[in-house]
PDB file of N, CA and C in Angstrom:
ATOM      1  N   MET A   1     148.456  90.420 170.829  1.00  0.00           N
ATOM      2  CA  MET A   1     149.134  91.625 171.145  1.00  0.00           C
ATOM      3  C   MET A   1     148.065  92.796 170.609  1.00  0.00           C
ATOM      4  N   ALA A   2     148.070  93.772 171.536  1.00  0.00           N
ATOM      5  CA  ALA A   2     147.389  94.982 171.445  1.00  0.00           C
ATOM      6  C   ALA A   2     147.826  95.831 170.102  1.00  0.00           C
ATOM      7  N   PRO A   3     146.969  96.817 169.403  1.00  0.00           N
ATOM      8  CA  PRO A   3     147.649  97.338 168.385  1.00  0.00           C
ATOM      9  C   PRO A   3     148.713  98.357 168.855  1.00  0.00           C
ATOM     10  N   ASN A   4     148.769  98.577 169.881  1.00  0.00           N
ATOM     11  CA  ASN A   4     150.089  99.574 170.304  1.00  0.00           C
ATOM     12  C   ASN A   4     151.093  98.925 170.664  1.00  0.00           C
ATOM     13  N   GLY A   5     151.210  97.476 170.444  1.00  0.00           N
ATOM     14  CA  GLY A   5     152.341  96.690 170.644  1.00  0.00           C
ATOM     15  C   GLY A   5     152.557  96.139 172.055  1.00  0.00           C
ATOM     16  N   ALA A   6     151.561  96.381 172.929  1.00  0.00           N
ATOM     17  CA  ALA A   6     151.724  95.849 174.219  1.00  0.00           C
ATOM     18  C   ALA A   6     151.247  94.308 174.237  1.00  0.00           C
ATOM     19  N   ARG A   7     151.998  93.744 175.107  1.00  0.00           N
ATOM     20  CA  ARG A   7     151.680  92.063 175.231  1.00  0.00           C
ATOM     21  C   ARG A   7     150.243  91.954 175.795  1.00  0.00           C
ATOM     22  N   SER A   8     149.415  91.131 175.227  1.00  0.00           N
ATOM     23  CA  SER A   8     148.305  90.743 175.740  1.00  0.00           C
ATOM     24  C   SER A   8     148.217  90.587 177.090  1.00  0.00           C
ATOM     25  N   GLY A   9     147.147  91.216 177.956  1.00  0.00           N
ATOM     26  CA  GLY A   9     147.092  90.901 179.188  1.00  0.00           C
ATOM     27  C   GLY A   9     148.009  91.697 180.230  1.00  0.00           C
ATOM     28  N   SER A  10     148.724  92.616 179.654  1.00  0.00           N
ATOM     29  CA  SER A  10     149.578  93.443 180.397  1.00  0.00           C
ATOM     30  C   SER A  10     148.857  94.695 180.782  1.00  0.00           C
ATOM     31  N   ARG A  11     149.483  95.470 181.688  1.00  0.00           N
ATOM     32  CA  ARG A  11     148.684  96.839 182.080  1.00  0.00           C
ATOM     33  C   ARG A  11     148.701  97.872 181.042  1.00  0.00           C
ATOM     34  N   GLN A  12     149.624  97.833 180.171  1.00  0.00           N
ATOM     35  CA  GLN A  12     149.589  98.658 178.941  1.00  0.00           C
ATOM     36  C   GLN A  12     148.487  98.288 178.184  1.00  0.00           C
ATOM     37  N   ASP A  13     148.246  96.975 177.833  1.00  0.00           N
ATOM     38  CA  ASP A  13     147.176  96.380 177.006  1.00  0.00           C
ATOM     39  C   ASP A  13     145.824  96.878 177.732  1.00  0.00           C
ATOM     40  N   ASP A  14     145.565  96.650 179.011  1.00  0.00           N
ATOM     41  CA  ASP A  14     144.439  97.049 179.587  1.00  0.00           C
ATOM     42  C   ASP A  14     144.102  98.597 179.479  1.00  0.00           C
ATOM     43  N   ASP A  15     145.018  99.287 179.671  1.00  0.00           N
ATOM     44  CA  ASP A  15     145.057 100.797 179.492  1.00  0.00           C
ATOM     45  C   ASP A  15     144.634 101.254 178.036  1.00  0.00           C
ATOM     46  N   TYR A  16     144.951 100.447 176.992  1.00  0.00           N
ATOM     47  CA  TYR A  16     144.652 100.692 175.595  1.00  0.00           C
ATOM     48  C   TYR A  16     143.127 100.246 175.536  1.00  0.00           C
ATOM     49  N   LYS A  17     142.685  99.093 175.959  1.00  0.00           N
ATOM     50  CA  LYS A  17     141.470  98.783 175.913  1.00  0.00           C
ATOM     51  C   LYS A  17     140.470  99.661 176.470  1.00  0.00           C
ATOM     52  N   ILE A  18     140.758 100.024 177.810  1.00  0.00           N
ATOM     53  CA  ILE A  18     139.817 101.185 178.532  1.00  0.00           C
ATOM     54  C   ILE A  18     139.812 102.414 177.573  1.00  0.00           C
ATOM     55  N   GLY A  19     140.895 102.989 177.023  1.00  0.00           N
ATOM     56  CA  GLY A  19     140.933 104.051 176.399  1.00  0.00           C
ATOM     57  C   GLY A  19     140.038 103.830 174.873  1.00  0.00           C
ATOM     58  N   ASP A  20     140.328 102.721 174.299  1.00  0.00           N
ATOM     59  CA  ASP A  20     139.566 102.616 173.152  1.00  0.00           C
ATOM     60  C   ASP A  20     137.999 102.221 173.423  1.00  0.00           C
ATOM     61  N   ARG A  21     137.647 101.808 174.345  1.00  0.00           N
ATOM     62  CA  ARG A  21     136.283 101.697 174.765  1.00  0.00           C
ATOM     63  C   ARG A  21     135.555 102.995 175.258  1.00  0.00           C
ATOM     64  N   LEU A  22     136.334 103.880 175.705  1.00  0.00           N
ATOM     65  CA  LEU A  22     135.978 105.100 176.073  1.00  0.00           C
ATOM     66  C   LEU A  22     135.741 106.011 174.787  1.00  0.00           C
ATOM     67  N   THR A  23     136.731 105.892 173.951  1.00  0.00           N
ATOM     68  CA  THR A  23     136.652 106.655 172.645  1.00  0.00           C
ATOM     69  C   THR A  23     135.454 106.137 171.733  1.00  0.00           C
ATOM     70  N   THR A  24     135.296 104.791 171.710  1.00  0.00           N
ATOM     71  CA  THR A  24     134.271 104.236 170.952  1.00  0.00           C
ATOM     72  C   THR A  24     133.033 104.148 171.530  1.00  0.00           C
ATOM     73  N   ASN A  25     132.714 103.928 172.872  1.00  0.00           N
ATOM     74  CA  ASN A  25     131.381 103.775 173.385  1.00  0.00           C
ATOM     75  C   ASN A  25     131.017 104.853 174.021  1.00  0.00           C
ATOM     76  N   ALA A  26     131.938 105.864 174.617  1.00  0.00           N
ATOM     77  CA  ALA A  26     131.467 106.768 175.402  1.00  0.00           C
ATOM     78  C   ALA A  26     131.149 108.294 174.790  1.00  0.00           C
ATOM     79  N   ILE A  27     130.899 108.237 173.640  1.00  0.00           N
ATOM     80  CA  ILE A  27     130.560 109.306 172.798  1.00  0.00           C
ATOM     81  C   ILE A  27     129.167 109.847 172.982  1.00  0.00           C
ATOM     82  N   LEU A  28     128.992 110.852 173.602  1.00  0.00           N
ATOM     83  CA  LEU A  28     127.806 111.457 174.063  1.00  0.00           C
ATOM     84  C   LEU A  28     127.531 112.702 172.964  1.00  0.00           C
ATOM     85  N   PRO A  29     126.171 112.961 172.980  1.00  0.00           N
ATOM     86  CA  PRO A  29     125.938 114.028 172.210  1.00  0.00           C
ATOM     87  C   PRO A  29     126.521 115.195 172.791  1.00  0.00           C
ATOM     88  N   ILE A  30     126.961 115.932 171.728  1.00  0.00           N
ATOM     89  CA  ILE A  30     127.677 117.244 172.292  1.00  0.00           C
ATOM     90  C   ILE A  30     127.271 118.389 171.103  1.00  0.00           C
ATOM     91  N   GLY A  31     127.404 119.736 171.542  1.00  0.00           N
ATOM     92  CA  GLY A  31     127.239 120.752 170.669  1.00  0.00           C
ATOM     93  C   GLY A  31     125.822 121.286 170.968  1.00  0.00           C
ATOM     94  N   ASP A  32     125.640 121.490 172.348  1.00  0.00           N
ATOM     95  CA  ASP A  32     124.207 122.072 172.827  1.00  0.00           C
ATOM     96  C   ASP A  32     124.112 123.574 172.413  1.00  0.00           C
ATOM     97  N   PRO A  33     123.395 123.696 171.515  1.00  0.00           N
ATOM     98  CA  PRO A  33     123.098 125.072 171.001  1.00  0.00           C
ATOM     99  C   PRO A  33     122.938 126.114 171.948  1.00  0.00           C
ATOM    100  N   LYS A  34     122.398 125.906 173.132  1.00  0.00           N
ATOM    101  CA  LYS A  34     122.194 126.848 174.326  1.00  0.00           C
ATOM    102  C   LYS A  34     123.512 127.473 174.922  1.00  0.00           C
ATOM    103  N   LEU A  35     124.740 126.697 174.695  1.00  0.00           N
ATOM    104  CA  LEU A  35     125.848 127.230 175.404  1.00  0.00           C
ATOM    105  C   LEU A  35     126.634 128.208 174.273  1.00  0.00           C
ATOM    106  N   THR A  36     127.462 129.051 174.912  1.00  0.00           N
ATOM    107  CA  THR A  36     128.053 130.056 173.980  1.00  0.00           C
ATOM    108  C   THR A  36     129.339 129.512 173.538  1.00  0.00           C
ATOM    109  N   CYS A  37     129.956 128.666 174.053  1.00  0.00           N
ATOM    110  CA  CYS A  37     131.303 128.036 173.633  1.00  0.00           C
ATOM    111  C   CYS A  37     131.113 126.853 173.120  1.00  0.00           C
ATOM    112  N   PRO A  38     131.749 126.776 171.816  1.00  0.00           N
ATOM    113  CA  PRO A  38     131.544 125.394 171.015  1.00  0.00           C
ATOM    114  C   PRO A  38     132.152 124.315 171.703  1.00  0.00           C
ATOM    115  N   GLN A  39     131.551 123.234 171.368  1.00  0.00           N
ATOM    116  CA  GLN A  39     131.943 121.917 172.111  1.00  0.00           C
ATOM    117  C   GLN A  39     132.176 121.115 170.896  1.00  0.00           C
ATOM    118  N   PHE A  40     133.318 120.422 171.032  1.00  0.00           N
ATOM    119  CA  PHE A  40     133.806 119.594 170.052  1.00  0.00           C
ATOM    120  C   PHE A  40     134.637 118.437 170.613  1.00  0.00           C
ATOM    121  N   ARG A  41     135.023 117.525 169.819  1.00  0.00           N
ATOM    122  CA  ARG A  41     136.026 116.543 170.129  1.00  0.00           C
ATOM    123  C   ARG A  41     137.169 116.570 169.044  1.00  0.00           C
ATOM    124  N   ILE A  42     138.272 116.542 169.523  1.00  0.00           N
ATOM    125  CA  ILE A  42     139.606 116.651 168.539  1.00  0.00           C
ATOM    126  C   ILE A  42     140.705 115.540 168.920  1.00  0.00           C
ATOM    127  N   SER A  43     140.996 114.898 167.887  1.00  0.00           N
ATOM    128  CA  SER A  43     142.034 114.096 167.942  1.00  0.00           C
ATOM    129  C   SER A  43     143.450 114.464 167.982  1.00  0.00           C
ATOM    130  N   PRO A  44     144.202 113.962 168.964  1.00  0.00           N
ATOM    131  CA  PRO A  44     145.647 114.692 168.887  1.00  0.00           C
ATOM    132  C   PRO A  44     146.495 113.990 167.813  1.00  0.00           C
ATOM    133  N   GLY A  45     146.014 113.127 167.172  1.00  0.00           N
ATOM    134  CA  GLY A  45     146.977 112.404 166.130  1.00  0.00           C
ATOM    135  C   GLY A  45     147.525 111.236 166.645  1.00  0.00           C
ATOM    136  N   TRP A  46     148.382 110.584 166.203  1.00  0.00           N
ATOM    137  CA  TRP A  46     149.075 109.323 166.601  1.00  0.00           C
ATOM    138  C   TRP A  46     150.463 109.955 167.017  1.00  0.00           C
ATOM    139  N   VAL A  47     150.418 109.975 168.510  1.00  0.00           N
ATOM    140  CA  VAL A  47     151.458 110.458 169.220  1.00  0.00           C
ATOM    141  C   VAL A  47     152.467 109.559 169.918  1.00  0.00           C
ATOM    142  N   ARG A  48     153.836 109.830 169.805  1.00  0.00           N
ATOM    143  CA  ARG A  48     154.795 109.041 170.364  1.00  0.00           C
ATOM    144  C   ARG A  48     154.735 108.867 171.942  1.00  0.00           C
ATOM    145  N   THR A  49     153.923 108.159 172.587  1.00  0.00           N
ATOM    146  CA  THR A  49     153.787 108.054 173.864  1.00  0.00           C
ATOM    147  C   THR A  49     153.992 106.539 174.316  1.00  0.00           C
ATOM    148  N   ASP A  50     153.886 106.296 175.531  1.00  0.00           N
ATOM    149  CA  ASP A  50     153.679 104.661 175.945  1.00  0.00           C
ATOM    150  C   ASP A  50     152.683 104.029 175.164  1.00  0.00           C
ATOM    151  N   MET A  51     151.616 104.740 175.120  1.00  0.00           N
ATOM    152  CA  MET A  51     150.390 103.984 174.296  1.00  0.00           C
ATOM    153  C   MET A  51     150.701 104.084 172.822  1.00  0.00           C
ATOM    154  N   GLY A  52     151.003 105.236 172.401  1.00  0.00           N
ATOM    155  CA  GLY A  52     151.309 105.341 170.862  1.00  0.00           C
ATOM    156  C   GLY A  52     152.405 104.655 170.335  1.00  0.00           C
ATOM    157  N   GLY A  53     153.521 104.475 171.204  1.00  0.00           N
ATOM    158  CA  GLY A  53     154.893 103.713 170.698  1.00  0.00           C
ATOM    159  C   GLY A  53     155.653 104.577 169.941  1.00  0.00           C
ATOM    160  N   GLU A  54     156.792 103.861 169.725  1.00  0.00           N
ATOM    161  CA  GLU A  54     157.909 104.784 168.943  1.00  0.00           C
ATOM    162  C   GLU A  54     157.608 104.904 167.528  1.00  0.00           C
ATOM    163  N   GLU A  55     156.812 104.258 166.793  1.00  0.00           N
ATOM    164  CA  GLU A  55     156.395 104.222 165.403  1.00  0.00           C
ATOM    165  C   GLU A  55     155.393 105.491 165.173  1.00  0.00           C
ATOM    166  N   ALA A  56     154.953 105.924 166.317  1.00  0.00           N
ATOM    167  CA  ALA A  56     153.967 106.912 165.938  1.00  0.00           C
ATOM    168  C   ALA A  56     154.603 108.173 165.242  1.00  0.00           C
ATOM    169  N   GLN A  57     153.611 108.967 164.578  1.00  0.00           N
ATOM    170  CA  GLN A  57     154.121 110.013 163.655  1.00  0.00           C
ATOM    171  C   GLN A  57     154.437 111.296 164.466  1.00  0.00           C
ATOM    172  N   LEU A  58     153.829 111.668 165.465  1.00  0.00           N
ATOM    173  CA  LEU A  58     154.216 112.883 165.982  1.00  0.00           C
ATOM    174  C   LEU A  58     154.787 112.853 167.616  1.00  0.00           C
ATOM    175  N   SER A  59     155.611 113.778 167.848  1.00  0.00           N
ATOM    176  CA  SER A  59     156.049 113.858 169.140  1.00  0.00           C
ATOM    177  C   SER A  59     154.867 114.579 170.037  1.00  0.00           C
ATOM    178  N   PRO A  60     154.941 114.469 171.277  1.00  0.00           N
ATOM    179  CA  PRO A  60     153.987 115.250 172.180  1.00  0.00           C
ATOM    180  C   PRO A  60     153.972 116.536 171.921  1.00  0.00           C
ATOM    181  N   GLU A  61     155.179 117.212 171.757  1.00  0.00           N
ATOM    182  CA  GLU A  61     155.229 118.678 171.553  1.00  0.00           C
ATOM    183  C   GLU A  61     154.634 119.023 169.893  1.00  0.00           C
ATOM    184  N   GLU A  62     154.644 118.210 168.922  1.00  0.00           N
ATOM    185  CA  GLU A  62     154.202 118.564 167.680  1.00  0.00           C
ATOM    186  C   GLU A  62     152.503 118.403 167.648  1.00  0.00           C
ATOM    187  N   SER A  63     152.138 117.404 168.407  1.00  0.00           N
ATOM    188  CA  SER A  63     150.789 117.262 168.679  1.00  0.00           C
ATOM    189  C   SER A  63     150.109 118.485 169.289  1.00  0.00           C
ATOM    190  N   ALA A  64     150.680 118.862 170.601  1.00  0.00           N
ATOM    191  CA  ALA A  64     150.347 119.812 171.346  1.00  0.00           C
ATOM    192  C   ALA A  64     149.943 120.993 170.567  1.00  0.00           C
ATOM    193  N   GLU A  65     151.228 121.455 169.775  1.00  0.00           N
ATOM    194  CA  GLU A  65     151.244 122.638 169.077  1.00  0.00           C
ATOM    195  C   GLU A  65     150.275 122.848 167.977  1.00  0.00           C
ATOM    196  N   SER A  66     149.975 121.739 167.407  1.00  0.00           N
ATOM    197  CA  SER A  66     148.846 121.608 166.169  1.00  0.00           C
ATOM    198  C   SER A  66     147.417 121.917 167.016  1.00  0.00           C
ATOM    199  N   LEU A  67     147.366 120.979 167.987  1.00  0.00           N
ATOM    200  CA  LEU A  67     146.107 121.186 168.782  1.00  0.00           C
ATOM    201  C   LEU A  67     145.738 122.747 169.299  1.00  0.00           C
ATOM    202  N   ALA A  68     146.756 123.403 169.594  1.00  0.00           N
ATOM    203  CA  ALA A  68     146.772 124.801 170.235  1.00  0.00           C
ATOM    204  C   ALA A  68     146.240 125.700 169.059  1.00  0.00           C
ATOM    205  N   LYS A  69     146.931 125.363 167.906  1.00  0.00           N
ATOM    206  CA  LYS A  69     146.572 126.280 166.709  1.00  0.00           C
ATOM    207  C   LYS A  69     145.254 126.092 166.319  1.00  0.00           C
ATOM    208  N   ALA A  70     144.731 124.772 166.278  1.00  0.00           N
ATOM    209  CA  ALA A  70     143.321 124.384 165.705  1.00  0.00           C
ATOM    210  C   ALA A  70     142.270 125.015 166.716  1.00  0.00           C
ATOM    211  N   ILE A  71     142.633 124.995 167.968  1.00  0.00           N
ATOM    212  CA  ILE A  71     141.563 125.192 169.075  1.00  0.00           C
ATOM    213  C   ILE A  71     141.337 126.705 168.963  1.00  0.00           C
ATOM    214  N   ASP A  72     142.445 127.504 168.701  1.00  0.00           N
ATOM    215  CA  ASP A  72     142.407 128.956 168.312  1.00  0.00           C
ATOM    216  C   ASP A  72     141.315 129.250 167.324  1.00  0.00           C
ATOM    217  N   ARG A  73     141.250 128.587 166.166  1.00  0.00           N
ATOM    218  CA  ARG A  73     140.606 128.808 165.021  1.00  0.00           C
ATOM    219  C   ARG A  73     139.095 128.279 165.272  1.00  0.00           C
ATOM    220  N   ILE A  74     138.815 127.406 165.997  1.00  0.00           N
ATOM    221  CA  ILE A  74     137.486 126.882 166.230  1.00  0.00           C
ATOM    222  C   ILE A  74     136.463 127.856 166.538  1.00  0.00           C
ATOM    223  N   GLY A  75     135.319 127.939 165.644  1.00  0.00           N
ATOM    224  CA  GLY A  75     134.320 128.938 166.219  1.00  0.00           C
ATOM    225  C   GLY A  75     132.860 128.248 166.274  1.00  0.00           C
ATOM    226  N   PRO A  76     131.792 128.848 166.295  1.00  0.00           N
ATOM    227  CA  PRO A  76     130.567 128.276 166.471  1.00  0.00           C
ATOM    228  C   PRO A  76     130.183 127.293 165.206  1.00  0.00           C
ATOM    229  N   GLU A  77     130.707 127.387 164.183  1.00  0.00           N
ATOM    230  CA  GLU A  77     130.394 126.537 162.876  1.00  0.00           C
ATOM    231  C   GLU A  77     130.691 125.255 163.114  1.00  0.00           C
ATOM    232  N   LEU A  78     131.611 125.094 164.244  1.00  0.00           N
ATOM    233  CA  LEU A  78     132.216 123.524 164.178  1.00  0.00           C
ATOM    234  C   LEU A  78     131.745 122.945 165.607  1.00  0.00           C
ATOM    235  N   ASN A  79     130.586 123.404 166.244  1.00  0.00           N
ATOM    236  CA  ASN A  79     129.912 123.103 167.375  1.00  0.00           C
ATOM    237  C   ASN A  79     129.540 121.642 167.196  1.00  0.00           C
ATOM    238  N   GLY A  80     129.812 120.780 168.134  1.00  0.00           N
ATOM    239  CA  GLY A  80     129.276 119.410 168.032  1.00  0.00           C
ATOM    240  C   GLY A  80     130.098 118.375 166.994  1.00  0.00           C
ATOM    241  N   GLN A  81     131.216 118.878 166.290  1.00  0.00           N
ATOM    242  CA  GLN A  81     131.727 118.026 165.417  1.00  0.00           C
ATOM    243  C   GLN A  81     132.993 117.292 166.023  1.00  0.00           C
ATOM    244  N   PHE A  82     133.550 116.338 165.216  1.00  0.00           N
ATOM    245  CA  PHE A  82     134.771 115.626 165.781  1.00  0.00           C
ATOM    246  C   PHE A  82     135.641 115.920 164.584  1.00  0.00           C
ATOM    247  N   LEU A  83     136.779 116.610 165.042  1.00  0.00           N
ATOM    248  CA  LEU A  83     137.862 117.195 164.328  1.00  0.00           C
ATOM    249  C   LEU A  83     139.191 116.447 164.397  1.00  0.00           C
ATOM    250  N   ASP A  84     139.978 116.722 163.540  1.00  0.00           N
ATOM    251  CA  ASP A  84     141.525 116.011 163.381  1.00  0.00           C
ATOM    252  C   ASP A  84     142.232 117.248 164.125  1.00  0.00           C
ATOM    253  N   ARG A  85     143.492 116.954 164.333  1.00  0.00           N
ATOM    254  CA  ARG A  85     144.433 117.990 164.974  1.00  0.00           C
ATOM    255  C   ARG A  85     144.613 119.354 164.295  1.00  0.00           C
ATOM    256  N   TYR A  86     144.213 119.397 163.007  1.00  0.00           N
ATOM    257  CA  TYR A  86     144.276 120.635 162.448  1.00  0.00           C
ATOM    258  C   TYR A  86     142.920 121.524 162.318  1.00  0.00           C
ATOM    259  N   GLY A  87     141.939 120.816 163.105  1.00  0.00           N
ATOM    260  CA  GLY A  87     140.551 121.371 163.092  1.00  0.00           C
ATOM    261  C   GLY A  87     139.777 121.134 161.966  1.00  0.00           C
ATOM    262  N   ARG A  88     140.021 120.127 161.253  1.00  0.00           N
ATOM    263  CA  ARG A  88     139.302 119.814 159.969  1.00  0.00           C
ATOM    264  C   ARG A  88     138.216 118.743 160.551  1.00  0.00           C
ATOM    265  N   VAL A  89     137.020 118.705 160.064  1.00  0.00           N
ATOM    266  CA  VAL A  89     135.968 117.851 160.560  1.00  0.00           C
ATOM    267  C   VAL A  89     136.125 116.595 159.669  1.00  0.00           C
ATOM    268  N   GLY A  90     135.808 115.648 160.718  1.00  0.00           N
ATOM    269  CA  GLY A  90     135.545 114.284 160.132  1.00  0.00           C
ATOM    270  C   GLY A  90     136.977 113.383 159.704  1.00  0.00           C
ATOM    271  N   ASN A  91     138.028 114.006 159.906  1.00  0.00           N
ATOM    272  CA  ASN A  91     139.232 113.113 159.467  1.00  0.00           C
ATOM    273  C   ASN A  91     139.701 112.159 160.634  1.00  0.00           C
ATOM    274  N   THR A  92     139.702 111.013 160.408  1.00  0.00           N
ATOM    275  CA  THR A  92     140.060 110.172 161.560  1.00  0.00           C
ATOM    276  C   THR A  92     141.256 109.407 161.221  1.00  0.00           C
ATOM    277  N   VAL A  93     141.934 108.582 162.157  1.00  0.00           N
ATOM    278  CA  VAL A  93     143.097 107.822 161.938  1.00  0.00           C
ATOM    279  C   VAL A  93     142.415 106.639 160.960  1.00  0.00           C
ATOM    280  N   GLY A  94     143.254 106.357 160.131  1.00  0.00           N
ATOM    281  CA  GLY A  94     142.847 105.276 159.139  1.00  0.00           C
ATOM    282  C   GLY A  94     141.959 105.680 157.995  1.00  0.00           C
ATOM    283  N   SER A  95     141.656 106.988 157.857  1.00  0.00           N
ATOM    284  CA  SER A  95     140.774 107.433 156.786  1.00  0.00           C
ATOM    285  C   SER A  95     141.687 108.157 155.833  1.00  0.00           C
ATOM    286  N   GLY A  96     142.766 108.336 156.078  1.00  0.00           N
ATOM    287  CA  GLY A  96     143.566 109.040 154.969  1.00  0.00           C
ATOM    288  C   GLY A  96     143.582 110.542 155.564  1.00  0.00           C
ATOM    289  N   GLY A  97     143.258 110.771 156.583  1.00  0.00           N
ATOM    290  CA  GLY A  97     142.895 112.341 157.026  1.00  0.00           C
ATOM    291  C   GLY A  97     144.358 112.890 157.646  1.00  0.00           C
ATOM    292  N   GLY A  98     145.476 112.077 157.631  1.00  0.00           N
ATOM    293  CA  GLY A  98     146.510 112.608 157.790  1.00  0.00           C
ATOM    294  C   GLY A  98     146.788 113.117 159.314  1.00  0.00           C
ATOM    295  N   LEU A  99     146.238 112.384 160.274  1.00  0.00           N
ATOM    296  CA  LEU A  99     146.383 112.820 161.554  1.00  0.00           C
ATOM    297  C   LEU A  99     147.807 112.493 161.961  1.00  0.00           C
TER     298      LEU A  99
END
């Protein structure tokens, strides 16, 4: 069974695996200093969706609201960083970061 509760071999399981691989393996260098707009990655948190499941901590609306607030505060000092949904550097799921 996939971490999201999908049956192994199901379409949902396949979607999870693709998303996980993209997140894990497709991380390219970001934060080009020649650009005037900060570049960053931001986690939406654990969201109640088909992939996140019913046990997830956040509704899609809660996640979107916190992301919008964080993005409004992001400046050049966060260029190239991985951020949690509050705009904090380096907090990830499973690290106690409170996503």
